[in-house]
Amino acid sequence: MANKGCLPDVVTYTVLIAALCEEGRMGEAKDMMTQMANKGCLPNSVTYNVFVQGLLKRNKTDDAILLLKEMDARGGCTLNATTILMLSEPLRREGKDSVIFDVVIKLLPKKV
């Protein structure tokens, strides 16, 4: 694609990451996110949600929370309602209700 003068954008990377997650290739999906950022194409909230959903499907809630903290640290992306809804059910099933509250309080956009 790049050798034809057409550089991948956030949508292209997100589709590739979604496909990798669907196949359970989470390490490759994470590498793709790193490659994307290294090429100056920052992941957006949809990209993060796709990856979070892939982690949650594999019962990796702790990894999903770490990813969201990374998203927050990078800036530019914020937690949204979709992310909160995706996280809340798996965390409730695991008896981690207080974690839901902590994540929401720490990662929701700070608006005055």
N, C-alpha and C. Protein backbone atom coordinates (compact mmCIF):
# COMPACT_ATOMS: atom_id res chain seq x y z
N MET A 1 0.83 -1.18 0.00
CA MET A 1 0.00 0.00 0.00
C MET A 1 0.88 1.25 0.00
N ALA A 2 1.84 1.30 0.94
CA ALA A 2 2.70 2.47 1.04
C ALA A 2 3.58 2.63 -0.19
N ASN A 3 4.00 1.51 -0.78
CA ASN A 3 4.85 1.61 -1.97
C ASN A 3 4.08 2.09 -3.19
N LYS A 4 2.77 2.14 -3.11
CA LYS A 4 1.94 2.68 -4.19
C LYS A 4 1.56 4.13 -3.92
N GLY A 5 2.14 4.71 -2.86
CA GLY A 5 1.87 6.11 -2.55
C GLY A 5 0.62 6.34 -1.72
N CYS A 6 0.04 5.28 -1.21
CA CYS A 6 -1.18 5.39 -0.41
C CYS A 6 -0.86 4.94 1.02
N LEU A 7 -0.71 5.90 1.91
CA LEU A 7 -0.35 5.58 3.29
C LEU A 7 -1.59 5.20 4.10
N PRO A 8 -1.45 4.22 4.98
CA PRO A 8 -2.59 3.84 5.82
C PRO A 8 -2.94 4.95 6.81
N ASP A 9 -4.22 5.11 7.06
CA ASP A 9 -4.68 6.10 8.03
C ASP A 9 -5.25 5.38 9.25
N VAL A 10 -5.83 6.13 10.17
CA VAL A 10 -6.35 5.54 11.40
C VAL A 10 -7.44 4.50 11.11
N VAL A 11 -8.25 4.73 10.10
CA VAL A 11 -9.30 3.78 9.75
C VAL A 11 -8.69 2.47 9.26
N THR A 12 -7.70 2.57 8.39
CA THR A 12 -7.03 1.37 7.87
C THR A 12 -6.41 0.57 9.00
N TYR A 13 -5.66 1.24 9.86
CA TYR A 13 -5.03 0.55 10.98
C TYR A 13 -6.08 -0.07 11.90
N THR A 14 -7.16 0.64 12.16
CA THR A 14 -8.20 0.12 13.05
C THR A 14 -8.83 -1.14 12.49
N VAL A 15 -9.07 -1.17 11.18
CA VAL A 15 -9.62 -2.37 10.54
C VAL A 15 -8.65 -3.54 10.68
N LEU A 16 -7.37 -3.28 10.46
CA LEU A 16 -6.36 -4.34 10.60
C LEU A 16 -6.28 -4.84 12.04
N ILE A 17 -6.32 -3.92 12.99
CA ILE A 17 -6.28 -4.29 14.41
C ILE A 17 -7.51 -5.10 14.78
N ALA A 18 -8.67 -4.70 14.27
CA ALA A 18 -9.91 -5.45 14.54
C ALA A 18 -9.80 -6.88 14.01
N ALA A 19 -9.25 -7.04 12.82
CA ALA A 19 -9.09 -8.38 12.23
C ALA A 19 -8.14 -9.23 13.07
N LEU A 20 -7.05 -8.64 13.52
CA LEU A 20 -6.10 -9.38 14.35
C LEU A 20 -6.75 -9.78 15.68
N CYS A 21 -7.50 -8.88 16.28
CA CYS A 21 -8.18 -9.18 17.54
C CYS A 21 -9.21 -10.29 17.34
N GLU A 22 -9.93 -10.24 16.25
CA GLU A 22 -10.94 -11.26 15.96
C GLU A 22 -10.31 -12.64 15.86
N GLU A 23 -9.10 -12.69 15.37
CA GLU A 23 -8.37 -13.96 15.23
C GLU A 23 -7.64 -14.35 16.52
N GLY A 24 -7.73 -13.50 17.54
CA GLY A 24 -7.06 -13.79 18.81
C GLY A 24 -5.57 -13.49 18.80
N ARG A 25 -5.14 -12.73 17.83
CA ARG A 25 -3.71 -12.40 17.68
C ARG A 25 -3.43 -11.06 18.37
N MET A 26 -3.60 -11.07 19.69
CA MET A 26 -3.55 -9.83 20.47
C MET A 26 -2.16 -9.21 20.48
N GLY A 27 -1.13 -10.02 20.51
CA GLY A 27 0.24 -9.49 20.47
C GLY A 27 0.50 -8.74 19.19
N GLU A 28 0.04 -9.31 18.08
CA GLU A 28 0.22 -8.64 16.79
C GLU A 28 -0.62 -7.37 16.71
N ALA A 29 -1.80 -7.40 17.31
CA ALA A 29 -2.65 -6.21 17.33
C ALA A 29 -1.97 -5.09 18.11
N LYS A 30 -1.37 -5.45 19.24
CA LYS A 30 -0.65 -4.45 20.06
C LYS A 30 0.55 -3.91 19.28
N ASP A 31 1.27 -4.80 18.59
CA ASP A 31 2.40 -4.36 17.75
C ASP A 31 1.93 -3.41 16.66
N MET A 32 0.76 -3.68 16.08
CA MET A 32 0.21 -2.83 15.03
C MET A 32 -0.11 -1.44 15.58
N MET A 33 -0.62 -1.38 16.81
CA MET A 33 -0.89 -0.08 17.43
C MET A 33 0.40 0.69 17.65
N THR A 34 1.44 -0.01 18.06
CA THR A 34 2.75 0.63 18.26
C THR A 34 3.30 1.12 16.93
N GLN A 35 3.23 0.28 15.92
CA GLN A 35 3.71 0.65 14.58
C GLN A 35 2.95 1.86 14.06
N MET A 36 1.67 1.85 14.27
CA MET A 36 0.81 2.95 13.85
C MET A 36 1.27 4.27 14.48
N ALA A 37 1.47 4.25 15.79
CA ALA A 37 1.90 5.46 16.50
C ALA A 37 3.29 5.89 16.05
N ASN A 38 4.18 4.92 15.84
CA ASN A 38 5.54 5.24 15.39
C ASN A 38 5.56 5.90 14.02
N LYS A 39 4.52 5.63 13.23
CA LYS A 39 4.44 6.24 11.89
C LYS A 39 3.64 7.54 11.91
N GLY A 40 3.35 8.03 13.12
CA GLY A 40 2.67 9.32 13.23
C GLY A 40 1.17 9.26 13.08
N CYS A 41 0.60 8.08 13.12
CA CYS A 41 -0.85 7.91 13.01
C CYS A 41 -1.35 7.44 14.37
N LEU A 42 -1.84 8.36 15.17
CA LEU A 42 -2.23 8.02 16.53
C LEU A 42 -3.57 7.30 16.58
N PRO A 43 -3.66 6.26 17.42
CA PRO A 43 -4.93 5.55 17.58
C PRO A 43 -5.99 6.50 18.13
N ASN A 44 -7.22 6.31 17.71
CA ASN A 44 -8.32 7.11 18.25
C ASN A 44 -9.15 6.24 19.20
N SER A 45 -10.24 6.78 19.71
CA SER A 45 -11.03 6.03 20.68
C SER A 45 -11.63 4.77 20.06
N VAL A 46 -11.94 4.78 18.78
CA VAL A 46 -12.46 3.58 18.11
C VAL A 46 -11.39 2.50 18.09
N THR A 47 -10.16 2.88 17.77
CA THR A 47 -9.05 1.93 17.75
C THR A 47 -8.88 1.28 19.12
N TYR A 48 -8.87 2.11 20.16
CA TYR A 48 -8.73 1.57 21.51
C TYR A 48 -9.92 0.68 21.88
N ASN A 49 -11.13 1.09 21.52
CA ASN A 49 -12.30 0.28 21.84
C ASN A 49 -12.25 -1.08 21.16
N VAL A 50 -11.78 -1.11 19.92
CA VAL A 50 -11.64 -2.38 19.20
C VAL A 50 -10.69 -3.30 19.95
N PHE A 51 -9.56 -2.75 20.38
CA PHE A 51 -8.57 -3.56 21.07
C PHE A 51 -9.08 -3.98 22.46
N VAL A 52 -9.72 -3.05 23.17
CA VAL A 52 -10.28 -3.38 24.48
C VAL A 52 -11.30 -4.50 24.34
N GLN A 53 -12.16 -4.42 23.35
CA GLN A 53 -13.16 -5.45 23.12
C GLN A 53 -12.50 -6.81 22.86
N GLY A 54 -11.42 -6.82 22.09
CA GLY A 54 -10.68 -8.05 21.84
C GLY A 54 -10.12 -8.65 23.12
N LEU A 55 -9.59 -7.79 23.98
CA LEU A 55 -9.06 -8.26 25.27
C LEU A 55 -10.17 -8.80 26.16
N LEU A 56 -11.28 -8.10 26.20
CA LEU A 56 -12.39 -8.53 27.05
C LEU A 56 -12.98 -9.86 26.58
N LYS A 57 -13.01 -10.09 25.27
CA LYS A 57 -13.51 -11.37 24.75
C LYS A 57 -12.64 -12.53 25.22
N ARG A 58 -11.41 -12.23 25.58
CA ARG A 58 -10.48 -13.26 26.04
C ARG A 58 -10.29 -13.20 27.56
N ASN A 59 -11.25 -12.54 28.22
CA ASN A 59 -11.24 -12.42 29.69
C ASN A 59 -9.97 -11.79 30.23
N LYS A 60 -9.45 -10.81 29.53
CA LYS A 60 -8.24 -10.11 29.96
C LYS A 60 -8.61 -8.69 30.40
N THR A 61 -9.44 -8.62 31.44
CA THR A 61 -9.91 -7.31 31.89
C THR A 61 -8.77 -6.46 32.44
N ASP A 62 -7.84 -7.08 33.14
CA ASP A 62 -6.71 -6.30 33.68
C ASP A 62 -5.89 -5.69 32.55
N ASP A 63 -5.67 -6.44 31.48
CA ASP A 63 -4.95 -5.91 30.32
C ASP A 63 -5.73 -4.78 29.67
N ALA A 64 -7.06 -4.92 29.62
CA ALA A 64 -7.89 -3.87 29.03
C ALA A 64 -7.77 -2.57 29.84
N ILE A 65 -7.77 -2.69 31.15
CA ILE A 65 -7.64 -1.50 32.00
C ILE A 65 -6.27 -0.86 31.83
N LEU A 66 -5.23 -1.68 31.75
CA LEU A 66 -3.89 -1.14 31.50
C LEU A 66 -3.83 -0.40 30.17
N LEU A 67 -4.47 -0.95 29.16
CA LEU A 67 -4.50 -0.29 27.85
C LEU A 67 -5.19 1.07 27.95
N LEU A 68 -6.28 1.13 28.70
CA LEU A 68 -7.00 2.40 28.85
C LEU A 68 -6.16 3.42 29.62
N LYS A 69 -5.40 2.95 30.59
CA LYS A 69 -4.50 3.87 31.31
C LYS A 69 -3.42 4.39 30.36
N GLU A 70 -2.95 3.52 29.48
CA GLU A 70 -1.97 3.95 28.47
C GLU A 70 -2.59 4.99 27.54
N MET A 71 -3.84 4.76 27.14
CA MET A 71 -4.56 5.70 26.29
C MET A 71 -4.64 7.06 26.97
N ASP A 72 -4.97 7.05 28.25
CA ASP A 72 -5.09 8.29 29.01
C ASP A 72 -3.74 9.00 29.11
N ALA A 73 -2.68 8.24 29.34
CA ALA A 73 -1.34 8.82 29.48
C ALA A 73 -0.86 9.45 28.18
N ARG A 74 -1.21 8.85 27.05
CA ARG A 74 -0.80 9.40 25.75
C ARG A 74 -1.53 10.69 25.43
N GLY A 75 -2.73 10.82 25.96
CA GLY A 75 -3.53 12.01 25.66
C GLY A 75 -4.14 11.90 24.27
N GLY A 76 -5.02 12.81 23.98
CA GLY A 76 -5.64 12.83 22.66
C GLY A 76 -6.89 11.98 22.57
N CYS A 77 -6.97 10.91 23.34
CA CYS A 77 -8.14 10.04 23.36
C CYS A 77 -8.73 10.07 24.76
N THR A 78 -10.03 9.94 24.82
CA THR A 78 -10.68 9.89 26.12
C THR A 78 -11.62 8.70 26.18
N LEU A 79 -11.88 8.28 27.39
CA LEU A 79 -12.83 7.22 27.66
C LEU A 79 -14.20 7.71 27.21
N ASN A 80 -14.97 6.83 26.59
CA ASN A 80 -16.31 7.24 26.18
C ASN A 80 -17.34 6.23 26.69
N ALA A 81 -18.61 6.50 26.43
CA ALA A 81 -19.69 5.64 26.94
C ALA A 81 -19.55 4.21 26.45
N THR A 82 -19.13 4.03 25.21
CA THR A 82 -18.95 2.69 24.66
C THR A 82 -17.92 1.91 25.46
N THR A 83 -16.82 2.56 25.78
CA THR A 83 -15.76 1.91 26.55
C THR A 83 -16.27 1.51 27.94
N ILE A 84 -16.97 2.42 28.59
CA ILE A 84 -17.48 2.14 29.93
C ILE A 84 -18.45 0.96 29.90
N LEU A 85 -19.34 0.95 28.92
CA LEU A 85 -20.30 -0.16 28.82
C LEU A 85 -19.60 -1.49 28.55
N MET A 86 -18.59 -1.47 27.69
CA MET A 86 -17.85 -2.70 27.39
C MET A 86 -17.18 -3.24 28.65
N LEU A 87 -16.63 -2.35 29.46
CA LEU A 87 -15.89 -2.76 30.66
C LEU A 87 -16.78 -3.19 31.81
N SER A 88 -17.92 -2.54 31.96
CA SER A 88 -18.69 -2.73 33.18
C SER A 88 -19.20 -4.15 33.38
N GLU A 89 -19.70 -4.80 32.36
CA GLU A 89 -20.24 -6.16 32.54
C GLU A 89 -19.15 -7.17 32.93
N PRO A 90 -18.02 -7.24 32.21
CA PRO A 90 -16.98 -8.19 32.63
C PRO A 90 -16.46 -7.91 34.04
N LEU A 91 -16.32 -6.64 34.40
CA LEU A 91 -15.83 -6.31 35.74
C LEU A 91 -16.86 -6.68 36.81
N ARG A 92 -18.13 -6.48 36.52
CA ARG A 92 -19.17 -6.87 37.48
C ARG A 92 -19.18 -8.39 37.67
N ARG A 93 -19.04 -9.12 36.57
CA ARG A 93 -19.00 -10.59 36.65
C ARG A 93 -17.84 -11.07 37.53
N GLU A 94 -16.73 -10.34 37.47
CA GLU A 94 -15.55 -10.70 38.26
C GLU A 94 -15.62 -10.15 39.68
N GLY A 95 -16.72 -9.47 40.03
CA GLY A 95 -16.86 -8.91 41.37
C GLY A 95 -15.99 -7.69 41.59
N LYS A 96 -15.67 -6.98 40.53
CA LYS A 96 -14.78 -5.81 40.62
C LYS A 96 -15.56 -4.51 40.39
N ASP A 97 -16.71 -4.40 41.08
CA ASP A 97 -17.54 -3.20 40.91
C ASP A 97 -16.78 -1.92 41.24
N SER A 98 -15.94 -1.96 42.27
CA SER A 98 -15.20 -0.75 42.66
C SER A 98 -14.21 -0.34 41.57
N VAL A 99 -13.72 -1.30 40.80
CA VAL A 99 -12.78 -0.99 39.72
C VAL A 99 -13.48 -0.16 38.64
N ILE A 100 -14.74 -0.48 38.36
CA ILE A 100 -15.50 0.29 37.37
C ILE A 100 -15.51 1.76 37.78
N PHE A 101 -15.85 2.01 39.04
CA PHE A 101 -15.91 3.37 39.55
C PHE A 101 -14.54 4.04 39.44
N ASP A 102 -13.49 3.35 39.86
CA ASP A 102 -12.13 3.91 39.80
C ASP A 102 -11.73 4.27 38.38
N VAL A 103 -12.01 3.38 37.44
CA VAL A 103 -11.65 3.63 36.03
C VAL A 103 -12.40 4.84 35.51
N VAL A 104 -13.69 4.89 35.78
CA VAL A 104 -14.49 6.00 35.28
C VAL A 104 -14.02 7.32 35.87
N ILE A 105 -13.80 7.36 37.17
CA ILE A 105 -13.36 8.60 37.83
C ILE A 105 -11.99 9.05 37.31
N LYS A 106 -11.07 8.12 37.14
CA LYS A 106 -9.71 8.47 36.73
C LYS A 106 -9.59 8.79 35.25
N LEU A 107 -10.40 8.15 34.43
CA LEU A 107 -10.17 8.26 32.99
C LEU A 107 -11.21 9.08 32.23
N LEU A 108 -12.32 9.43 32.87
CA LEU A 108 -13.29 10.27 32.17
C LEU A 108 -12.67 11.63 31.89
N PRO A 109 -13.04 12.24 30.77
CA PRO A 109 -12.51 13.58 30.48
C PRO A 109 -12.82 14.54 31.62
N LYS A 110 -11.85 15.34 31.95
CA LYS A 110 -12.01 16.32 33.03
C LYS A 110 -12.62 17.59 32.45
N LYS A 111 -13.92 17.79 32.72
CA LYS A 111 -14.60 18.99 32.22
C LYS A 111 -15.03 19.83 33.40
N VAL A 112 -14.84 21.12 33.27
CA VAL A 112 -15.21 22.04 34.35
C VAL A 112 -16.60 22.56 34.10
